[in-house]
Amino acid sequence: MAETQVTKHEEDAVLASQAPETETTYVPDVDISENDEHIRLVADMPGVDQKSVDVTVENNVLTIEGNAQLEAPEGYNLVGQEYGVGKFRRDFTLSNAVDTNGIKARVSHGVLEVTIPKREEVKTRKIEIGG
């Protein structure tokens, strides 16, 4: 397979918000895999849903963002919390070997899956041997 076509930005670490607010921006854990056709990113973003997540591409930088709010069920008070809630953000630099127009994303149960198709000219193809 080709070299991975996605590069993590070095600033991928838990980022303190630039605003004087106490809200923190978390960097979600991401698994990256590829096959001959696509690159797939799977990001853990607990608490986000389809309405609270954004995936954008600008200047070959893929940005995933989400906002999770933790609310206790009606009639209950929150007494413990094992994961942070707030904003999630992660940036990835894409190579020219991917088709940014064909990117698809979906989220289910706080897991964001982004599928990035490779351009036809970089896909592996078998060459027929003539006799």
N, C-alpha and C. Protein backbone atom coordinates (compact mmCIF):
# COMPACT_ATOMS: atom_id res chain seq x y z
N MET A 1 0.83 -1.18 0.00
CA MET A 1 0.00 0.00 0.00
C MET A 1 0.87 1.24 0.00
N ALA A 2 0.29 2.32 -0.46
CA ALA A 2 1.01 3.59 -0.51
C ALA A 2 1.25 4.11 0.90
N GLU A 3 2.20 5.04 0.98
CA GLU A 3 2.45 5.68 2.27
C GLU A 3 1.17 6.33 2.76
N THR A 4 1.02 6.40 4.04
CA THR A 4 -0.17 7.04 4.58
C THR A 4 -0.27 8.45 4.05
N GLN A 5 -1.46 8.84 3.61
CA GLN A 5 -1.67 10.10 2.94
C GLN A 5 -2.13 11.21 3.90
N VAL A 6 -2.10 10.94 5.18
CA VAL A 6 -2.57 11.90 6.16
C VAL A 6 -1.45 12.15 7.16
N THR A 7 -1.21 13.39 7.50
CA THR A 7 -0.17 13.75 8.45
C THR A 7 -0.79 14.48 9.63
N LYS A 8 -0.46 14.04 10.85
CA LYS A 8 -0.95 14.73 12.04
C LYS A 8 -0.21 16.05 12.19
N HIS A 9 -0.90 17.06 12.66
CA HIS A 9 -0.25 18.32 12.98
C HIS A 9 0.47 18.16 14.31
N GLU A 10 1.62 18.75 14.44
CA GLU A 10 2.41 18.63 15.66
C GLU A 10 1.71 19.22 16.87
N GLU A 11 0.82 20.19 16.66
CA GLU A 11 0.18 20.80 17.80
C GLU A 11 -0.96 19.96 18.34
N ASP A 12 -1.10 18.71 17.86
CA ASP A 12 -2.14 17.82 18.37
C ASP A 12 -1.81 17.40 19.79
N ALA A 13 -2.34 18.14 20.73
CA ALA A 13 -2.21 17.87 22.16
C ALA A 13 -3.39 18.55 22.80
N VAL A 14 -3.65 18.26 24.06
CA VAL A 14 -4.78 18.93 24.70
C VAL A 14 -4.49 20.42 24.69
N LEU A 15 -5.38 21.17 24.07
CA LEU A 15 -5.17 22.60 23.89
C LEU A 15 -6.01 23.38 24.90
N ALA A 16 -5.38 24.28 25.60
CA ALA A 16 -6.13 25.16 26.47
C ALA A 16 -6.82 26.19 25.60
N SER A 17 -8.03 26.49 25.90
CA SER A 17 -8.79 27.48 25.13
C SER A 17 -8.06 28.82 25.17
N GLN A 18 -8.06 29.52 24.05
CA GLN A 18 -7.41 30.83 23.99
C GLN A 18 -8.24 31.88 24.71
N ALA A 19 -9.54 31.63 24.85
CA ALA A 19 -10.40 32.57 25.54
C ALA A 19 -10.17 32.46 27.04
N PRO A 20 -10.52 33.48 27.78
CA PRO A 20 -10.32 33.42 29.23
C PRO A 20 -11.26 32.44 29.92
N GLU A 21 -12.15 31.81 29.15
CA GLU A 21 -13.06 30.83 29.71
C GLU A 21 -12.28 29.62 30.22
N THR A 22 -12.93 28.80 31.00
CA THR A 22 -12.27 27.62 31.54
C THR A 22 -12.49 26.39 30.66
N GLU A 23 -13.19 26.55 29.54
CA GLU A 23 -13.47 25.41 28.66
C GLU A 23 -12.18 24.92 27.99
N THR A 24 -12.05 23.63 27.92
CA THR A 24 -10.88 23.01 27.32
C THR A 24 -11.25 22.40 25.98
N THR A 25 -10.32 22.43 25.04
CA THR A 25 -10.51 21.75 23.76
C THR A 25 -9.70 20.46 23.82
N TYR A 26 -10.38 19.34 23.64
CA TYR A 26 -9.74 18.03 23.70
C TYR A 26 -9.35 17.56 22.31
N VAL A 27 -8.28 16.81 22.24
CA VAL A 27 -7.83 16.20 20.99
C VAL A 27 -8.31 14.75 21.01
N PRO A 28 -9.24 14.41 20.12
CA PRO A 28 -9.77 13.04 20.15
C PRO A 28 -8.74 12.02 19.68
N ASP A 29 -8.79 10.82 20.26
CA ASP A 29 -7.97 9.72 19.78
C ASP A 29 -8.50 9.29 18.42
N VAL A 30 -7.59 9.05 17.47
CA VAL A 30 -7.99 8.72 16.10
C VAL A 30 -7.21 7.50 15.63
N ASP A 31 -7.92 6.54 15.05
CA ASP A 31 -7.30 5.41 14.36
C ASP A 31 -7.35 5.72 12.87
N ILE A 32 -6.23 5.50 12.17
CA ILE A 32 -6.15 5.74 10.74
C ILE A 32 -5.78 4.43 10.06
N SER A 33 -6.57 4.06 9.06
CA SER A 33 -6.28 2.84 8.29
C SER A 33 -6.50 3.16 6.82
N GLU A 34 -5.96 2.29 5.97
CA GLU A 34 -6.14 2.50 4.53
C GLU A 34 -6.20 1.18 3.80
N ASN A 35 -6.82 1.23 2.61
CA ASN A 35 -6.78 0.12 1.67
C ASN A 35 -6.45 0.73 0.31
N ASP A 36 -6.62 -0.01 -0.74
CA ASP A 36 -6.27 0.50 -2.06
C ASP A 36 -7.17 1.64 -2.52
N GLU A 37 -8.37 1.73 -1.97
CA GLU A 37 -9.37 2.69 -2.42
C GLU A 37 -9.51 3.93 -1.54
N HIS A 38 -9.37 3.75 -0.20
CA HIS A 38 -9.70 4.80 0.74
C HIS A 38 -8.73 4.88 1.91
N ILE A 39 -8.78 6.02 2.59
CA ILE A 39 -8.18 6.20 3.90
C ILE A 39 -9.34 6.40 4.85
N ARG A 40 -9.27 5.79 6.02
CA ARG A 40 -10.38 5.85 6.97
C ARG A 40 -9.86 6.36 8.31
N LEU A 41 -10.51 7.39 8.84
CA LEU A 41 -10.20 7.92 10.15
C LEU A 41 -11.38 7.61 11.07
N VAL A 42 -11.10 7.10 12.25
CA VAL A 42 -12.14 6.83 13.24
C VAL A 42 -11.73 7.58 14.51
N ALA A 43 -12.56 8.55 14.91
CA ALA A 43 -12.25 9.41 16.04
C ALA A 43 -13.24 9.18 17.18
N ASP A 44 -12.70 9.02 18.38
CA ASP A 44 -13.53 8.89 19.58
C ASP A 44 -13.84 10.27 20.10
N MET A 45 -15.12 10.63 20.08
CA MET A 45 -15.57 11.94 20.54
C MET A 45 -16.81 11.74 21.41
N PRO A 46 -16.63 11.24 22.65
CA PRO A 46 -17.77 10.91 23.49
C PRO A 46 -18.73 12.07 23.66
N GLY A 47 -20.00 11.79 23.45
CA GLY A 47 -21.03 12.79 23.67
C GLY A 47 -21.43 13.60 22.45
N VAL A 48 -20.70 13.49 21.34
CA VAL A 48 -21.09 14.24 20.15
C VAL A 48 -22.11 13.45 19.34
N ASP A 49 -22.92 14.17 18.61
CA ASP A 49 -23.88 13.55 17.70
C ASP A 49 -23.83 14.29 16.37
N GLN A 50 -24.69 13.92 15.46
CA GLN A 50 -24.67 14.49 14.12
C GLN A 50 -24.84 16.00 14.12
N LYS A 51 -25.58 16.53 15.08
CA LYS A 51 -25.83 17.97 15.14
C LYS A 51 -24.66 18.75 15.74
N SER A 52 -23.79 18.07 16.48
CA SER A 52 -22.73 18.79 17.20
C SER A 52 -21.33 18.50 16.67
N VAL A 53 -21.23 17.95 15.46
CA VAL A 53 -19.92 17.65 14.89
C VAL A 53 -19.81 18.30 13.51
N ASP A 54 -18.61 18.78 13.18
CA ASP A 54 -18.34 19.38 11.87
C ASP A 54 -17.07 18.78 11.30
N VAL A 55 -17.08 18.51 10.00
CA VAL A 55 -15.90 18.05 9.28
C VAL A 55 -15.72 19.01 8.11
N THR A 56 -14.54 19.64 8.03
CA THR A 56 -14.29 20.59 6.95
C THR A 56 -12.93 20.32 6.32
N VAL A 57 -12.78 20.77 5.07
CA VAL A 57 -11.49 20.71 4.37
C VAL A 57 -11.23 22.09 3.79
N GLU A 58 -10.05 22.62 4.11
CA GLU A 58 -9.63 23.90 3.56
C GLU A 58 -8.13 23.86 3.34
N ASN A 59 -7.70 24.16 2.13
CA ASN A 59 -6.27 24.15 1.78
C ASN A 59 -5.61 22.83 2.14
N ASN A 60 -6.27 21.73 1.84
CA ASN A 60 -5.79 20.36 2.10
C ASN A 60 -5.61 20.05 3.58
N VAL A 61 -6.29 20.78 4.45
CA VAL A 61 -6.30 20.46 5.87
C VAL A 61 -7.71 20.01 6.24
N LEU A 62 -7.79 18.77 6.71
CA LEU A 62 -9.05 18.20 7.18
C LEU A 62 -9.18 18.53 8.66
N THR A 63 -10.28 19.15 9.05
CA THR A 63 -10.52 19.51 10.44
C THR A 63 -11.78 18.81 10.92
N ILE A 64 -11.65 18.13 12.06
CA ILE A 64 -12.83 17.54 12.70
C ILE A 64 -13.04 18.27 14.01
N GLU A 65 -14.28 18.68 14.24
CA GLU A 65 -14.63 19.42 15.44
C GLU A 65 -15.95 18.90 15.99
N GLY A 66 -16.07 18.93 17.27
CA GLY A 66 -17.33 18.53 17.90
C GLY A 66 -17.49 19.21 19.23
N ASN A 67 -18.71 19.19 19.72
CA ASN A 67 -18.99 19.79 21.01
C ASN A 67 -19.90 18.85 21.78
N ALA A 68 -19.44 18.40 22.93
CA ALA A 68 -20.21 17.47 23.76
C ALA A 68 -20.65 18.16 25.04
N GLN A 69 -21.88 17.99 25.36
CA GLN A 69 -22.42 18.52 26.61
C GLN A 69 -22.96 17.35 27.40
N LEU A 70 -22.57 17.27 28.64
CA LEU A 70 -23.04 16.19 29.50
C LEU A 70 -24.17 16.70 30.37
N GLU A 71 -25.30 16.05 30.23
CA GLU A 71 -26.46 16.41 31.04
C GLU A 71 -26.92 15.17 31.79
N ALA A 72 -27.16 15.34 33.06
CA ALA A 72 -27.68 14.23 33.87
C ALA A 72 -29.12 13.97 33.45
N PRO A 73 -29.53 12.71 33.49
CA PRO A 73 -30.93 12.41 33.17
C PRO A 73 -31.87 13.16 34.11
N GLU A 74 -33.05 13.43 33.62
CA GLU A 74 -34.03 14.17 34.40
C GLU A 74 -34.24 13.52 35.77
N GLY A 75 -34.19 14.34 36.81
CA GLY A 75 -34.39 13.85 38.16
C GLY A 75 -33.12 13.38 38.85
N TYR A 76 -31.97 13.47 38.15
CA TYR A 76 -30.69 13.03 38.71
C TYR A 76 -29.72 14.20 38.75
N ASN A 77 -28.75 14.12 39.65
CA ASN A 77 -27.64 15.07 39.70
C ASN A 77 -26.37 14.32 39.33
N LEU A 78 -25.50 14.95 38.57
CA LEU A 78 -24.22 14.35 38.18
C LEU A 78 -23.30 14.31 39.41
N VAL A 79 -22.86 13.12 39.78
CA VAL A 79 -21.97 12.98 40.94
C VAL A 79 -20.60 12.42 40.56
N GLY A 80 -20.44 11.99 39.31
CA GLY A 80 -19.15 11.48 38.86
C GLY A 80 -19.07 11.58 37.35
N GLN A 81 -17.85 11.78 36.86
CA GLN A 81 -17.64 11.90 35.42
C GLN A 81 -16.26 11.38 35.10
N GLU A 82 -16.15 10.42 34.18
CA GLU A 82 -14.86 9.80 33.88
C GLU A 82 -14.23 10.28 32.58
N TYR A 83 -14.92 11.07 31.81
CA TYR A 83 -14.30 11.64 30.63
C TYR A 83 -14.70 13.10 30.51
N GLY A 84 -13.83 13.87 29.89
CA GLY A 84 -14.08 15.29 29.75
C GLY A 84 -15.12 15.58 28.70
N VAL A 85 -15.88 16.60 28.92
CA VAL A 85 -16.82 17.07 27.92
C VAL A 85 -16.44 18.48 27.54
N GLY A 86 -16.87 18.89 26.40
CA GLY A 86 -16.54 20.21 25.89
C GLY A 86 -16.27 20.10 24.41
N LYS A 87 -15.30 20.85 23.95
CA LYS A 87 -14.97 20.88 22.53
C LYS A 87 -13.91 19.85 22.19
N PHE A 88 -14.05 19.28 21.00
CA PHE A 88 -13.04 18.39 20.42
C PHE A 88 -12.57 19.03 19.12
N ARG A 89 -11.27 18.89 18.83
CA ARG A 89 -10.76 19.39 17.55
C ARG A 89 -9.49 18.64 17.20
N ARG A 90 -9.36 18.35 15.91
CA ARG A 90 -8.15 17.70 15.40
C ARG A 90 -7.98 18.10 13.95
N ASP A 91 -6.76 18.39 13.52
CA ASP A 91 -6.44 18.77 12.15
C ASP A 91 -5.50 17.75 11.53
N PHE A 92 -5.71 17.48 10.24
CA PHE A 92 -4.85 16.57 9.49
C PHE A 92 -4.53 17.20 8.14
N THR A 93 -3.26 17.16 7.75
CA THR A 93 -2.86 17.64 6.43
C THR A 93 -3.01 16.49 5.45
N LEU A 94 -3.74 16.74 4.37
CA LEU A 94 -3.98 15.73 3.35
C LEU A 94 -3.00 15.93 2.20
N SER A 95 -2.58 14.83 1.61
CA SER A 95 -1.71 14.93 0.44
C SER A 95 -2.58 15.16 -0.80
N ASN A 96 -1.93 15.42 -1.91
CA ASN A 96 -2.65 15.59 -3.17
C ASN A 96 -3.12 14.26 -3.75
N ALA A 97 -2.80 13.16 -3.09
CA ALA A 97 -3.19 11.83 -3.58
C ALA A 97 -4.63 11.47 -3.21
N VAL A 98 -5.31 12.34 -2.48
CA VAL A 98 -6.69 12.04 -2.08
C VAL A 98 -7.66 12.97 -2.80
N ASP A 99 -8.90 12.51 -2.91
CA ASP A 99 -9.97 13.25 -3.56
C ASP A 99 -10.80 13.94 -2.48
N THR A 100 -10.51 15.21 -2.21
CA THR A 100 -11.20 15.90 -1.13
C THR A 100 -12.68 16.10 -1.42
N ASN A 101 -13.08 16.08 -2.68
CA ASN A 101 -14.49 16.24 -3.03
C ASN A 101 -15.32 15.00 -2.68
N GLY A 102 -14.68 13.87 -2.50
CA GLY A 102 -15.41 12.63 -2.23
C GLY A 102 -15.43 12.22 -0.77
N ILE A 103 -14.96 13.08 0.13
CA ILE A 103 -14.90 12.73 1.55
C ILE A 103 -16.31 12.57 2.11
N LYS A 104 -16.49 11.51 2.89
CA LYS A 104 -17.78 11.25 3.54
C LYS A 104 -17.54 11.06 5.03
N ALA A 105 -18.53 11.46 5.82
CA ALA A 105 -18.40 11.33 7.28
C ALA A 105 -19.74 10.90 7.87
N ARG A 106 -19.64 10.16 8.98
CA ARG A 106 -20.83 9.78 9.72
C ARG A 106 -20.43 9.64 11.18
N VAL A 107 -21.39 9.82 12.07
CA VAL A 107 -21.13 9.70 13.50
C VAL A 107 -22.21 8.82 14.11
N SER A 108 -21.77 7.96 15.03
CA SER A 108 -22.69 7.07 15.72
C SER A 108 -22.15 6.81 17.12
N HIS A 109 -22.96 7.09 18.13
CA HIS A 109 -22.61 6.83 19.52
C HIS A 109 -21.26 7.44 19.91
N GLY A 110 -21.01 8.68 19.46
CA GLY A 110 -19.79 9.37 19.84
C GLY A 110 -18.54 8.95 19.08
N VAL A 111 -18.71 8.19 18.01
CA VAL A 111 -17.57 7.78 17.18
C VAL A 111 -17.77 8.35 15.78
N LEU A 112 -16.83 9.18 15.36
CA LEU A 112 -16.87 9.80 14.04
C LEU A 112 -16.02 8.98 13.08
N GLU A 113 -16.59 8.63 11.93
CA GLU A 113 -15.85 7.89 10.90
C GLU A 113 -15.81 8.74 9.64
N VAL A 114 -14.58 9.02 9.17
CA VAL A 114 -14.38 9.82 7.96
C VAL A 114 -13.71 8.93 6.93
N THR A 115 -14.30 8.86 5.74
CA THR A 115 -13.75 8.06 4.64
C THR A 115 -13.26 9.01 3.56
N ILE A 116 -11.97 8.88 3.22
CA ILE A 116 -11.33 9.77 2.25
C ILE A 116 -10.90 8.92 1.05
N PRO A 117 -11.53 9.12 -0.11
CA PRO A 117 -11.15 8.32 -1.28
C PRO A 117 -9.80 8.77 -1.86
N LYS A 118 -9.08 7.80 -2.39
CA LYS A 118 -7.82 8.11 -3.08
C LYS A 118 -8.14 8.46 -4.53
N ARG A 119 -7.31 9.30 -5.13
CA ARG A 119 -7.48 9.63 -6.55
C ARG A 119 -7.18 8.39 -7.39
N GLU A 120 -7.82 8.30 -8.52
CA GLU A 120 -7.66 7.15 -9.40
C GLU A 120 -6.20 6.90 -9.77
N GLU A 121 -5.45 7.96 -10.02
CA GLU A 121 -4.07 7.80 -10.49
C GLU A 121 -3.12 7.26 -9.43
N VAL A 122 -3.51 7.23 -8.16
CA VAL A 122 -2.63 6.69 -7.13
C VAL A 122 -3.07 5.33 -6.62
N LYS A 123 -4.22 4.85 -7.09
CA LYS A 123 -4.70 3.54 -6.64
C LYS A 123 -3.84 2.43 -7.24
N THR A 124 -3.64 1.40 -6.46
CA THR A 124 -2.88 0.25 -6.94
C THR A 124 -3.67 -0.45 -8.03
N ARG A 125 -2.98 -0.78 -9.12
CA ARG A 125 -3.65 -1.53 -10.18
C ARG A 125 -2.71 -2.61 -10.70
N LYS A 126 -3.30 -3.69 -11.10
CA LYS A 126 -2.52 -4.82 -11.58
C LYS A 126 -2.23 -4.61 -13.08
N ILE A 127 -0.99 -4.85 -13.46
CA ILE A 127 -0.58 -4.70 -14.86
C ILE A 127 -0.58 -6.08 -15.49
N GLU A 128 -1.28 -6.19 -16.59
CA GLU A 128 -1.34 -7.48 -17.28
C GLU A 128 -0.03 -7.74 -18.00
N ILE A 129 0.46 -8.97 -17.88
CA ILE A 129 1.72 -9.38 -18.51
C ILE A 129 1.39 -9.99 -19.87
N GLY A 130 1.97 -9.42 -20.90
CA GLY A 130 1.75 -9.93 -22.26
C GLY A 130 2.70 -11.07 -22.60
N GLY A 131 2.33 -11.85 -23.54
CA GLY A 131 3.17 -12.99 -23.88
C GLY A 131 3.71 -12.98 -25.27
